[in-house]
């Protein structure tokens, strides 16, 4: 009810997102933490269609709408000493949260800063081979 009264219409949000230039753009890097369901919602919103039944078709759409995606939870699989959720990972990497937990801005900033610290501390060189994988979905072998 609160969203109906104070939120933005989902179709309008999809239109604004599509026209923003941040989707369908391989110059934009999407950084997430265990966000398969979030991308499912965004794909449905952007395509104005039901999600495909198969994972292969789902990932085809991910690659179209979000060409460069890094899921930190997936990256953690290649770092032996790292475990836990985003807050635990940030703590292990000594990344400080700004703001309140589970507020979009604070969580987004923590995700970005944690990704940058993870990249600099554990991955020398390119991360490209880890792109396009969402933790818990599809082929996670890296």
Foldseek 3Di string as FASTA:
>chain_A
DCCVVPNDDLLVVLVCVVVVQQWQDPVHAAEEAQCPVVLLVNLCSNVVDHQDPDLVSNLVSCCRGPVWYAHVNLVVVQPVVDDDGLVRLCVVLVNDFDDDPPDVVRVVVSRVVSVVSCCVPPNPDDPVVRTSDRPPGDDSPD
